[in-house]
C-alpha atoms as a PDB file:
ATOM      1  CA  MET A   1     122.556 120.914  68.636  1.00  0.00           C
ATOM      2  CA  ALA A   2     122.175 121.128  64.685  1.00  0.00           C
ATOM      3  CA  TYR A   3     121.602 124.390  63.072  1.00  0.00           C
ATOM      4  CA  LYS A   4     121.519 123.507  59.502  1.00  0.00           C
ATOM      5  CA  HIS A   5     121.622 120.482  57.425  1.00  0.00           C
ATOM      6  CA  ASP A   6     121.886 120.151  53.521  1.00  0.00           C
ATOM      7  CA  TYR A   7     122.580 116.341  53.618  1.00  0.00           C
ATOM      8  CA  ASP A   8     121.780 115.668  49.946  1.00  0.00           C
ATOM      9  CA  LYS A   9     123.915 118.284  48.383  1.00  0.00           C
ATOM     10  CA  ILE A  10     127.438 116.734  48.015  1.00  0.00           C
ATOM     11  CA  LEU A  11     126.906 113.261  49.534  1.00  0.00           C
ATOM     12  CA  THR A  12     124.132 111.898  47.633  1.00  0.00           C
ATOM     13  CA  ARG A  13     125.460 113.678  44.450  1.00  0.00           C
ATOM     14  CA  LEU A  14     128.749 111.607  44.693  1.00  0.00           C
ATOM     15  CA  THR A  15     127.038 108.333  45.486  1.00  0.00           C
ATOM     16  CA  VAL A  16     124.831 108.609  42.655  1.00  0.00           C
ATOM     17  CA  ILE A  17     127.915 109.625  40.373  1.00  0.00           C
ATOM     18  CA  LEU A  18     129.860 106.427  41.628  1.00  0.00           C
ATOM     19  CA  SER A  19     126.781 104.175  41.193  1.00  0.00           C
ATOM     20  CA  LYS A  20     126.507 105.198  37.738  1.00  0.00           C
ATOM     21  CA  LEU A  21     130.112 104.835  36.892  1.00  0.00           C
ATOM     22  CA  ASN A  22     130.191 101.516  38.768  1.00  0.00           C
ATOM     23  CA  ASP A  23     127.312 100.360  36.290  1.00  0.00           C
ATOM     24  CA  GLY A  24     129.418 101.282  33.432  1.00  0.00           C
ATOM     25  CA  GLU A  25     128.018 104.653  32.441  1.00  0.00           C
ATOM     26  CA  ALA A  26     129.908 107.332  30.585  1.00  0.00           C
ATOM     27  CA  LEU A  27     129.160 110.468  32.248  1.00  0.00           C
ATOM     28  CA  SER A  28     129.056 114.092  30.792  1.00  0.00           C
ATOM     29  CA  VAL A  29     130.000 116.981  33.191  1.00  0.00           C
ATOM     30  CA  LYS A  30     127.119 119.301  31.577  1.00  0.00           C
ATOM     31  CA  GLU A  31     124.569 116.354  31.851  1.00  0.00           C
ATOM     32  CA  LEU A  32     125.406 115.858  35.487  1.00  0.00           C
ATOM     33  CA  ALA A  33     125.228 119.709  36.141  1.00  0.00           C
ATOM     34  CA  THR A  34     121.881 119.798  34.718  1.00  0.00           C
ATOM     35  CA  GLU A  35     120.790 116.658  36.570  1.00  0.00           C
ATOM     36  CA  PHE A  36     121.748 117.944  39.978  1.00  0.00           C
ATOM     37  CA  ASN A  37     120.970 121.699  39.429  1.00  0.00           C
ATOM     38  CA  THR A  38     124.507 122.831  40.037  1.00  0.00           C
ATOM     39  CA  SER A  39     127.466 124.155  37.765  1.00  0.00           C
ATOM     40  CA  ASP A  40     129.894 122.615  35.561  1.00  0.00           C
ATOM     41  CA  ARG A  41     132.639 123.656  37.894  1.00  0.00           C
ATOM     42  CA  THR A  42     131.191 121.907  40.758  1.00  0.00           C
ATOM     43  CA  ILE A  43     130.883 118.651  38.922  1.00  0.00           C
ATOM     44  CA  GLN A  44     134.358 118.855  37.546  1.00  0.00           C
ATOM     45  CA  ARG A  45     135.585 119.528  41.069  1.00  0.00           C
ATOM     46  CA  ASP A  46     133.745 116.291  42.131  1.00  0.00           C
ATOM     47  CA  PHE A  47     135.911 114.142  39.744  1.00  0.00           C
ATOM     48  CA  ASN A  48     139.026 116.154  40.017  1.00  0.00           C
ATOM     49  CA  GLU A  49     139.157 116.419  43.920  1.00  0.00           C
ATOM     50  CA  ARG A  50     136.379 114.523  45.610  1.00  0.00           C
ATOM     51  CA  LEU A  51     136.631 111.221  43.539  1.00  0.00           C
ATOM     52  CA  VAL A  52     140.293 111.313  42.733  1.00  0.00           C
ATOM     53  CA  SER A  53     140.980 108.131  44.759  1.00  0.00           C
ATOM     54  CA  PHE A  54     138.653 106.250  42.538  1.00  0.00           C
ATOM     55  CA  PRO A  55     139.922 104.452  39.125  1.00  0.00           C
ATOM     56  CA  ILE A  56     138.022 106.869  36.986  1.00  0.00           C
ATOM     57  CA  TYR A  57     139.266 108.639  33.779  1.00  0.00           C
ATOM     58  CA  GLN A  58     138.098 111.130  31.194  1.00  0.00           C
ATOM     59  CA  GLU A  59     137.781 110.389  27.527  1.00  0.00           C
ATOM     60  CA  ASN A  60     136.168 112.320  24.760  1.00  0.00           C
ATOM     61  CA  LYS A  61     134.621 114.634  27.608  1.00  0.00           C
ATOM     62  CA  LYS A  62     132.916 111.810  29.235  1.00  0.00           C
ATOM     63  CA  TRP A  63     134.138 110.185  32.767  1.00  0.00           C
ATOM     64  CA  LYS A  64     134.344 106.635  33.132  1.00  0.00           C
ATOM     65  CA  MET A  65     135.318 103.794  35.408  1.00  0.00           C
ATOM     66  CA  GLN A  66     138.534 101.826  34.309  1.00  0.00           C
ATOM     67  CA  ASP A  67     137.768  98.453  32.744  1.00  0.00           C
ATOM     68  CA  GLY A  68     137.920  95.599  35.091  1.00  0.00           C
ATOM     69  CA  PHE A  69     137.560  97.515  38.344  1.00  0.00           C
ATOM     70  CA  ARG A  70     134.618  97.800  40.518  1.00  0.00           C
ATOM     71  CA  VAL A  71     134.712 100.313  43.327  1.00  0.00           C
ATOM     72  CA  GLU A  72     134.412  97.674  46.146  1.00  0.00           C
ATOM     73  CA  LYS A  73     137.677  96.218  44.960  1.00  0.00           C
ATOM     74  CA  THR A  74     139.677  99.497  44.932  1.00  0.00           C
ATOM     75  CA  LYS A  75     138.266 101.261  48.020  1.00  0.00           C
ATOM     76  CA  SER A  76     140.676 102.752  50.356  1.00  0.00           C
ATOM     77  CA  LEU A  77     140.018 102.889  54.307  1.00  0.00           C
ATOM     78  CA  GLU A  78     139.065 106.743  53.793  1.00  0.00           C
ATOM     79  CA  ASP A  79     136.516 105.809  51.225  1.00  0.00           C
ATOM     80  CA  GLU A  80     135.054 103.015  53.533  1.00  0.00           C
ATOM     81  CA  ILE A  81     134.761 105.391  56.115  1.00  0.00           C
ATOM     82  CA  VAL A  82     133.017 108.270  53.744  1.00  0.00           C
ATOM     83  CA  LEU A  83     130.720 105.561  52.541  1.00  0.00           C
ATOM     84  CA  ASP A  84     129.613 104.393  56.178  1.00  0.00           C
ATOM     85  CA  ILE A  85     129.035 108.129  56.822  1.00  0.00           C
ATOM     86  CA  ILE A  86     126.891 108.435  53.820  1.00  0.00           C
ATOM     87  CA  GLU A  87     124.716 105.564  54.672  1.00  0.00           C
ATOM     88  CA  LYS A  88     124.158 106.536  58.197  1.00  0.00           C
ATOM     89  CA  ILE A  89     123.149 110.242  57.247  1.00  0.00           C
ATOM     90  CA  THR A  90     120.479 108.631  54.793  1.00  0.00           C
ATOM     91  CA  GLU A  91     119.440 106.169  57.460  1.00  0.00           C
ATOM     92  CA  GLY A  92     118.619 109.325  59.580  1.00  0.00           C
ATOM     93  CA  ILE A  93     116.373 110.682  56.888  1.00  0.00           C
ATOM     94  CA  GLY A  94     114.602 107.376  56.825  1.00  0.00           C
ATOM     95  CA  GLY A  95     111.987 105.576  54.939  1.00  0.00           C
ATOM     96  CA  LYS A  96     112.011 105.212  51.171  1.00  0.00           C
ATOM     97  CA  PHE A  97     114.922 107.453  50.782  1.00  0.00           C
ATOM     98  CA  PHE A  98     117.189 105.391  52.992  1.00  0.00           C
ATOM     99  CA  THR A  99     115.883 102.329  51.085  1.00  0.00           C
ATOM    100  CA  LYS A 100     116.921 103.650  47.736  1.00  0.00           C
ATOM    101  CA  ALA A 101     120.137 105.030  48.992  1.00  0.00           C
ATOM    102  CA  HIS A 102     120.849 101.739  50.767  1.00  0.00           C
ATOM    103  CA  LYS A 103     120.520  99.879  47.457  1.00  0.00           C
ATOM    104  CA  LEU A 104     122.864 102.562  45.756  1.00  0.00           C
ATOM    105  CA  LEU A 105     125.427 102.243  48.571  1.00  0.00           C
ATOM    106  CA  SER A 106     125.175  98.021  48.540  1.00  0.00           C
ATOM    107  CA  LYS A 107     126.538  98.279  45.104  1.00  0.00           C
ATOM    108  CA  ILE A 108     129.720 100.164  46.016  1.00  0.00           C
ATOM    109  CA  LYS A 109     130.113  98.750  49.692  1.00  0.00           C
ATOM    110  CA  ASN A 110     129.519  94.900  49.168  1.00  0.00           C
ATOM    111  CA  GLU A 111     129.048  94.738  53.099  1.00  0.00           C
ATOM    112  CA  ASP A 112     126.344  94.740  55.651  1.00  0.00           C
ATOM    113  CA  PHE A 113     127.987  95.742  58.709  1.00  0.00           C
ATOM    114  CA  ASN A 114     128.498  99.435  59.385  1.00  0.00           C
ATOM    115  CA  PRO A 115     131.064 100.391  62.137  1.00  0.00           C
ATOM    116  CA  ILE A 116     129.796 104.061  62.112  1.00  0.00           C
ATOM    117  CA  TYR A 117     126.730 105.146  64.331  1.00  0.00           C
ATOM    118  CA  THR A 118     125.256 108.681  63.991  1.00  0.00           C
ATOM    119  CA  LYS A 119     122.365 110.190  65.991  1.00  0.00           C
ATOM    120  CA  LEU A 120     120.535 112.545  63.460  1.00  0.00           C
ATOM    121  CA  ASN A 121     117.170 113.940  64.400  1.00  0.00           C
ATOM    122  CA  ILE A 122     115.894 114.216  60.796  1.00  0.00           C
ATOM    123  CA  GLU A 123     112.155 113.895  60.221  1.00  0.00           C
ATOM    124  CA  ASP A 124     110.906 110.933  57.731  1.00  0.00           C
ATOM    125  CA  ILE A 125     109.556 112.293  54.610  1.00  0.00           C
ATOM    126  CA  SER A 126     109.036 109.015  52.882  1.00  0.00           C
ATOM    127  CA  ASN A 127     105.314 109.846  52.365  1.00  0.00           C
ATOM    128  CA  LYS A 128     106.398 112.891  50.319  1.00  0.00           C
ATOM    129  CA  PHE A 129     108.598 110.813  47.844  1.00  0.00           C
ATOM    130  CA  THR A 130     106.358 111.731  44.887  1.00  0.00           C
ATOM    131  CA  ASP A 131     105.875 115.494  45.905  1.00  0.00           C
ATOM    132  CA  ILE A 132     109.837 115.654  46.139  1.00  0.00           C
ATOM    133  CA  GLN A 133     110.176 114.089  42.473  1.00  0.00           C
ATOM    134  CA  ILE A 134     107.767 116.708  41.150  1.00  0.00           C
ATOM    135  CA  LEU A 135     109.444 119.571  43.011  1.00  0.00           C
ATOM    136  CA  GLU A 136     112.927 118.351  41.897  1.00  0.00           C
ATOM    137  CA  THR A 137     111.921 118.534  38.359  1.00  0.00           C
ATOM    138  CA  ALA A 138     110.094 121.731  38.602  1.00  0.00           C
ATOM    139  CA  ILE A 139     113.411 123.134  40.210  1.00  0.00           C
ATOM    140  CA  LYS A 140     115.620 121.894  37.465  1.00  0.00           C
ATOM    141  CA  GLU A 141     113.388 123.021  34.807  1.00  0.00           C
ATOM    142  CA  ARG A 142     112.497 126.385  36.386  1.00  0.00           C
ATOM    143  CA  LYS A 143     108.652 125.716  36.083  1.00  0.00           C
ATOM    144  CA  GLU A 144     106.109 127.087  38.572  1.00  0.00           C
ATOM    145  CA  VAL A 145     103.963 124.497  40.644  1.00  0.00           C
ATOM    146  CA  LYS A 146     100.407 124.846  41.853  1.00  0.00           C
ATOM    147  CA  CYS A 147      99.591 123.206  45.277  1.00  0.00           C
ATOM    148  CA  SER A 148      97.743 123.251  48.409  1.00  0.00           C
ATOM    149  CA  TYR A 149      99.185 124.556  51.578  1.00  0.00           C
ATOM    150  CA  ASP A 150      98.122 124.248  55.241  1.00  0.00           C
ATOM    151  CA  ASP A 151      99.386 127.302  56.982  1.00  0.00           C
ATOM    152  CA  GLU A 152      99.961 127.795  60.723  1.00  0.00           C
ATOM    153  CA  LYS A 153      96.354 128.883  61.245  1.00  0.00           C
ATOM    154  CA  HIS A 154      95.318 125.491  59.519  1.00  0.00           C
ATOM    155  CA  ASN A 155      93.860 127.254  56.558  1.00  0.00           C
ATOM    156  CA  LEU A 156      94.136 125.248  53.316  1.00  0.00           C
ATOM    157  CA  ASP A 157      94.591 127.324  50.373  1.00  0.00           C
ATOM    158  CA  THR A 158      95.595 126.786  46.806  1.00  0.00           C
ATOM    159  CA  ARG A 159      98.700 128.941  45.548  1.00  0.00           C
ATOM    160  CA  THR A 160     101.134 129.059  42.306  1.00  0.00           C
ATOM    161  CA  ILE A 161     104.726 129.467  43.536  1.00  0.00           C
ATOM    162  CA  GLN A 162     108.151 129.116  42.044  1.00  0.00           C
ATOM    163  CA  PRO A 163     110.198 126.453  43.573  1.00  0.00           C
ATOM    164  CA  LEU A 164     113.954 127.283  44.226  1.00  0.00           C
ATOM    165  CA  LYS A 165     115.226 124.607  46.749  1.00  0.00           C
ATOM    166  CA  ILE A 166     114.356 121.787  48.976  1.00  0.00           C
ATOM    167  CA  VAL A 167     116.312 122.299  52.316  1.00  0.00           C
ATOM    168  CA  ASN A 168     116.486 120.842  55.669  1.00  0.00           C
ATOM    169  CA  PHE A 169     117.027 123.093  58.924  1.00  0.00           C
ATOM    170  CA  GLU A 170     117.501 121.683  62.320  1.00  0.00           C
ATOM    171  CA  GLY A 171     116.299 118.253  61.051  1.00  0.00           C
ATOM    172  CA  PHE A 172     112.996 119.809  59.441  1.00  0.00           C
ATOM    173  CA  TRP A 173     112.101 119.840  55.691  1.00  0.00           C
ATOM    174  CA  TYR A 174     111.222 123.059  53.803  1.00  0.00           C
ATOM    175  CA  LEU A 175     110.667 124.218  50.196  1.00  0.00           C
ATOM    176  CA  ILE A 176     112.099 127.543  49.515  1.00  0.00           C
ATOM    177  CA  ALA A 177     109.973 129.342  46.677  1.00  0.00           C
ATOM    178  CA  LEU A 178     109.055 132.536  45.494  1.00  0.00           C
ATOM    179  CA  LYS A 179     105.382 133.674  45.620  1.00  0.00           C
ATOM    180  CA  ASP A 180     104.735 137.242  43.973  1.00  0.00           C
ATOM    181  CA  GLU A 181     108.477 138.050  44.069  1.00  0.00           C
ATOM    182  CA  ILE A 182     108.794 137.543  47.856  1.00  0.00           C
ATOM    183  CA  LEU A 183     110.907 134.821  49.037  1.00  0.00           C
ATOM    184  CA  LYS A 184     108.991 132.184  51.355  1.00  0.00           C
ATOM    185  CA  LYS A 185     109.621 128.854  53.234  1.00  0.00           C
ATOM    186  CA  TYR A 186     106.894 126.285  53.170  1.00  0.00           C
ATOM    187  CA  TYR A 187     106.856 123.346  55.555  1.00  0.00           C
ATOM    188  CA  LEU A 188     107.179 120.366  53.011  1.00  0.00           C
ATOM    189  CA  LYS A 189     105.030 118.119  55.080  1.00  0.00           C
ATOM    190  CA  ASN A 190     102.089 120.707  54.847  1.00  0.00           C
ATOM    191  CA  ILE A 191     102.417 120.923  51.012  1.00  0.00           C
ATOM    192  CA  SER A 192      99.652 118.703  48.940  1.00  0.00           C
ATOM    193  CA  ASN A 193      97.712 118.226  45.654  1.00  0.00           C
ATOM    194  CA  LEU A 194     101.052 119.302  43.894  1.00  0.00           C
ATOM    195  CA  THR A 195     101.185 119.632  40.103  1.00  0.00           C
ATOM    196  CA  MET A 196     103.871 121.206  37.937  1.00  0.00           C
ATOM    197  CA  THR A 197     102.846 123.874  35.334  1.00  0.00           C
ATOM    198  CA  ASP A 198     104.281 125.036  31.980  1.00  0.00           C
ATOM    199  CA  LYS A 199     105.067 128.442  33.197  1.00  0.00           C
ATOM    200  CA  THR A 200     108.897 129.035  33.627  1.00  0.00           C
ATOM    201  CA  PHE A 201     110.686 131.570  35.861  1.00  0.00           C
ATOM    202  CA  GLU A 202     114.183 133.011  36.048  1.00  0.00           C
ATOM    203  CA  LYS A 203     117.044 131.248  38.186  1.00  0.00           C
ATOM    204  CA  ASP A 204     117.654 132.824  41.462  1.00  0.00           C
ATOM    205  CA  ASN A 205     121.589 132.791  41.502  1.00  0.00           C
ATOM    206  CA  LYS A 206     121.964 134.329  44.975  1.00  0.00           C
ATOM    207  CA  LEU A 207     120.005 131.821  46.840  1.00  0.00           C
ATOM    208  CA  ASP A 208     122.800 129.063  47.489  1.00  0.00           C
ATOM    209  CA  LYS A 209     125.052 132.055  49.047  1.00  0.00           C
ATOM    210  CA  LEU A 210     122.167 133.222  51.217  1.00  0.00           C
ATOM    211  CA  LEU A 211     121.405 129.637  52.446  1.00  0.00           C
ATOM    212  CA  ASP A 212     125.151 129.196  53.269  1.00  0.00           C
ATOM    213  CA  GLU A 213     125.158 132.172  55.413  1.00  0.00           C
ATOM    214  CA  SER A 214     121.970 131.624  57.203  1.00  0.00           C
ATOM    215  CA  ILE A 215     121.642 129.972  60.545  1.00  0.00           C
ATOM    216  CA  SER A 216     118.167 128.849  60.612  1.00  0.00           C
ATOM    217  CA  VAL A 217     114.990 128.719  58.508  1.00  0.00           C
ATOM    218  CA  TRP A 218     114.109 132.282  59.776  1.00  0.00           C
ATOM    219  CA  PHE A 219     116.502 133.921  57.509  1.00  0.00           C
ATOM    220  CA  ARG A 220     115.280 137.129  55.397  1.00  0.00           C
ATOM    221  CA  ARG A 221     116.446 138.039  52.078  1.00  0.00           C
ATOM    222  CA  ASP A 222     115.101 141.427  52.195  1.00  0.00           C
ATOM    223  CA  ILE A 223     116.864 142.459  55.508  1.00  0.00           C
ATOM    224  CA  GLU A 224     120.756 143.519  55.416  1.00  0.00           C
ATOM    225  CA  PRO A 225     122.593 141.092  57.784  1.00  0.00           C
ATOM    226  CA  PHE A 226     123.516 142.778  60.982  1.00  0.00           C
ATOM    227  CA  GLU A 227     126.189 141.794  63.557  1.00  0.00           C
ATOM    228  CA  VAL A 228     125.246 139.928  66.972  1.00  0.00           C
ATOM    229  CA  LYS A 229     127.986 139.859  69.579  1.00  0.00           C
ATOM    230  CA  ILE A 230     128.100 137.031  72.019  1.00  0.00           C
ATOM    231  CA  PHE A 231     129.988 135.947  75.159  1.00  0.00           C
ATOM    232  CA  ALA A 232     130.836 132.372  75.541  1.00  0.00           C
ATOM    233  CA  ASP A 233     132.044 130.858  78.743  1.00  0.00           C
ATOM    234  CA  LYS A 234     134.716 128.077  78.835  1.00  0.00           C
ATOM    235  CA  LEU A 235     132.020 125.106  78.216  1.00  0.00           C
ATOM    236  CA  ALA A 236     130.238 127.059  75.224  1.00  0.00           C
ATOM    237  CA  ALA A 237     133.538 128.318  73.895  1.00  0.00           C
ATOM    238  CA  LYS A 238     134.710 124.676  73.387  1.00  0.00           C
ATOM    239  CA  PHE A 239     131.508 123.901  71.364  1.00  0.00           C
ATOM    240  CA  PHE A 240     131.284 126.823  69.178  1.00  0.00           C
ATOM    241  CA  LYS A 241     135.085 126.518  68.310  1.00  0.00           C
ATOM    242  CA  ARG A 242     134.255 123.042  67.219  1.00  0.00           C
ATOM    243  CA  ARG A 243     131.232 123.783  65.388  1.00  0.00           C
ATOM    244  CA  PRO A 244     131.264 127.521  64.471  1.00  0.00           C
ATOM    245  CA  LEU A 245     128.041 129.185  63.329  1.00  0.00           C
ATOM    246  CA  PRO A 246     127.873 130.575  59.648  1.00  0.00           C
ATOM    247  CA  SER A 247     129.771 133.738  59.454  1.00  0.00           C
ATOM    248  CA  GLN A 248     130.767 133.422  62.954  1.00  0.00           C
ATOM    249  CA  LYS A 249     134.264 135.479  63.622  1.00  0.00           C
ATOM    250  CA  ILE A 250     136.058 135.269  67.008  1.00  0.00           C
ATOM    251  CA  GLU A 251     136.737 138.750  68.394  1.00  0.00           C
ATOM    252  CA  SER A 252     138.907 137.703  71.133  1.00  0.00           C
ATOM    253  CA  LEU A 253     140.111 134.183  73.059  1.00  0.00           C
ATOM    254  CA  ASN A 254     140.889 134.588  76.707  1.00  0.00           C
ATOM    255  CA  THR A 255     143.230 132.777  78.906  1.00  0.00           C
ATOM    256  CA  ASP A 256     140.598 131.455  81.011  1.00  0.00           C
ATOM    257  CA  GLY A 257     138.921 129.502  78.127  1.00  0.00           C
ATOM    258  CA  THR A 258     136.237 132.090  77.475  1.00  0.00           C
ATOM    259  CA  MET A 259     135.583 133.822  74.120  1.00  0.00           C
ATOM    260  CA  GLU A 260     133.784 136.704  72.344  1.00  0.00           C
ATOM    261  CA  PHE A 261     132.421 136.194  68.884  1.00  0.00           C
ATOM    262  CA  ILE A 262     130.208 137.799  66.255  1.00  0.00           C
ATOM    263  CA  VAL A 263     127.658 136.183  63.780  1.00  0.00           C
ATOM    264  CA  LYS A 264     125.559 138.166  61.326  1.00  0.00           C
ATOM    265  CA  ILE A 265     121.924 137.329  61.124  1.00  0.00           C
ATOM    266  CA  THR A 266     118.773 138.674  59.306  1.00  0.00           C
ATOM    267  CA  HIS A 267     116.292 137.843  61.807  1.00  0.00           C
ATOM    268  CA  GLU A 268     116.311 137.697  65.761  1.00  0.00           C
ATOM    269  CA  MET A 269     114.912 134.203  65.703  1.00  0.00           C
ATOM    270  CA  GLU A 270     118.122 133.024  63.948  1.00  0.00           C
ATOM    271  CA  ILE A 271     120.084 133.487  67.321  1.00  0.00           C
ATOM    272  CA  LEU A 272     117.454 133.715  69.950  1.00  0.00           C
ATOM    273  CA  PRO A 273     116.873 129.748  70.331  1.00  0.00           C
ATOM    274  CA  ILE A 274     120.655 129.367  70.297  1.00  0.00           C
ATOM    275  CA  ILE A 275     121.075 131.628  73.309  1.00  0.00           C
ATOM    276  CA  LYS A 276     118.209 130.252  75.068  1.00  0.00           C
ATOM    277  CA  TYR A 277     119.419 126.596  74.639  1.00  0.00           C
ATOM    278  CA  TRP A 278     123.113 127.627  75.827  1.00  0.00           C
ATOM    279  CA  ILE A 279     121.775 129.750  79.159  1.00  0.00           C
ATOM    280  CA  PRO A 280     123.620 130.499  81.254  1.00  0.00           C
ATOM    281  CA  HIS A 281     126.808 129.651  79.060  1.00  0.00           C
ATOM    282  CA  LEU A 282     126.093 132.260  76.316  1.00  0.00           C
ATOM    283  CA  ILE A 283     125.464 135.889  76.784  1.00  0.00           C
ATOM    284  CA  LEU A 284     124.205 138.150  74.225  1.00  0.00           C
ATOM    285  CA  ILE A 285     126.114 141.494  74.491  1.00  0.00           C
ATOM    286  CA  GLU A 286     124.809 143.187  71.510  1.00  0.00           C
ATOM    287  CA  PRO A 287     122.442 144.608  70.011  1.00  0.00           C
ATOM    288  CA  LYS A 288     120.640 145.881  73.038  1.00  0.00           C
ATOM    289  CA  TRP A 289     117.192 145.297  71.836  1.00  0.00           C
ATOM    290  CA  ILE A 290     117.535 141.534  71.432  1.00  0.00           C
ATOM    291  CA  GLN A 291     118.987 141.549  74.879  1.00  0.00           C
ATOM    292  CA  GLU A 292     115.692 143.103  76.067  1.00  0.00           C
ATOM    293  CA  ILE A 293     113.717 140.163  74.386  1.00  0.00           C
ATOM    294  CA  ILE A 294     115.775 137.713  76.155  1.00  0.00           C
ATOM    295  CA  LYS A 295     115.038 139.474  79.398  1.00  0.00           C
ATOM    296  CA  GLU A 296     111.395 139.557  78.894  1.00  0.00           C
ATOM    297  CA  ASP A 297     111.280 136.046  77.833  1.00  0.00           C
ATOM    298  CA  LEU A 298     113.040 134.968  80.899  1.00  0.00           C
ATOM    299  CA  GLU A 299     110.958 137.372  83.140  1.00  0.00           C
ATOM    300  CA  GLY A 300     107.774 135.542  81.516  1.00  0.00           C
ATOM    301  CA  TYR A 301     109.232 132.208  81.940  1.00  0.00           C
ATOM    302  CA  THR A 302     109.971 132.639  85.639  1.00  0.00           C
ATOM    303  CA  GLU A 303     106.460 134.133  86.477  1.00  0.00           C
ATOM    304  CA  LYS A 304     105.138 130.636  84.720  1.00  0.00           C
ATOM    305  CA  MET A 305     107.514 128.532  86.787  1.00  0.00           C
ATOM    306  CA  ASP A 306     106.322 130.413  89.974  1.00  0.00           C
ATOM    307  CA  GLN A 307     102.777 129.717  89.296  1.00  0.00           C
ATOM    308  CA  TYR A 308     103.364 125.870  89.023  1.00  0.00           C
ATOM    309  CA  SER A 309     105.499 125.915  92.259  1.00  0.00           C
ATOM    310  CA  LEU A 310     102.559 127.057  94.260  1.00  0.00           C
END
């Protein structure tokens, strides 16, 4: 069960950087930071840590590939595995995104067979490629956009928003944006008639941290995070030790393989679907008011089951 995905954040950035270097480009840290809407420090870390195994060097504040080398001639086994995983992740996204990513990776990999298989349930947004390009530009240049949006009640209206980030939660794509200074999440496929304006806005420097700490798209910025205490039996404990939730802190590991842990959330819907998915292997201990919601939902579910069993 996936909780949050931000597949294009590091992997796609490294793929594009390697492709540019492989094509003979000299790359500036500042220019890359602007292109990917991130900090100089992050790009510098890409070169000094994440790409350290490649034959690259810095000259006159520009990063280059060593003459006479191509990536496919110098890949280590670890590099091969990383590239295979990147390709499979982009394949999970599908459509035009995978086609373009596959072309970039082909320049590096020089092979057709991929020994890696992944099962990623990510919705295809190929038909939104033009909108994504507009949104990426607006986010980088911090410009407001006008768009039509089909809400949950199928009311189509026009609104002006400040786009902050395109994100993927549990396989679905959303645009995080500000409207009237309130943080909103817009389902990407419901956005249409998108145009960028000339009006600019200030960058939100706290958003990345908020996203890193959130479990699902239900997160709230206006609510102080609160703790939820959970008991996990042996089966669930094994899973949540392997794939901990954001902010997860283990309180006790028991000799029978069970454990108790705490996570911080800002909305009950960040944790309710997870508890329900893992019933009876997870038990929410605190807070009591969320415990009551689970009880009521289970009682309602039981009543509906009884109706269909008659």
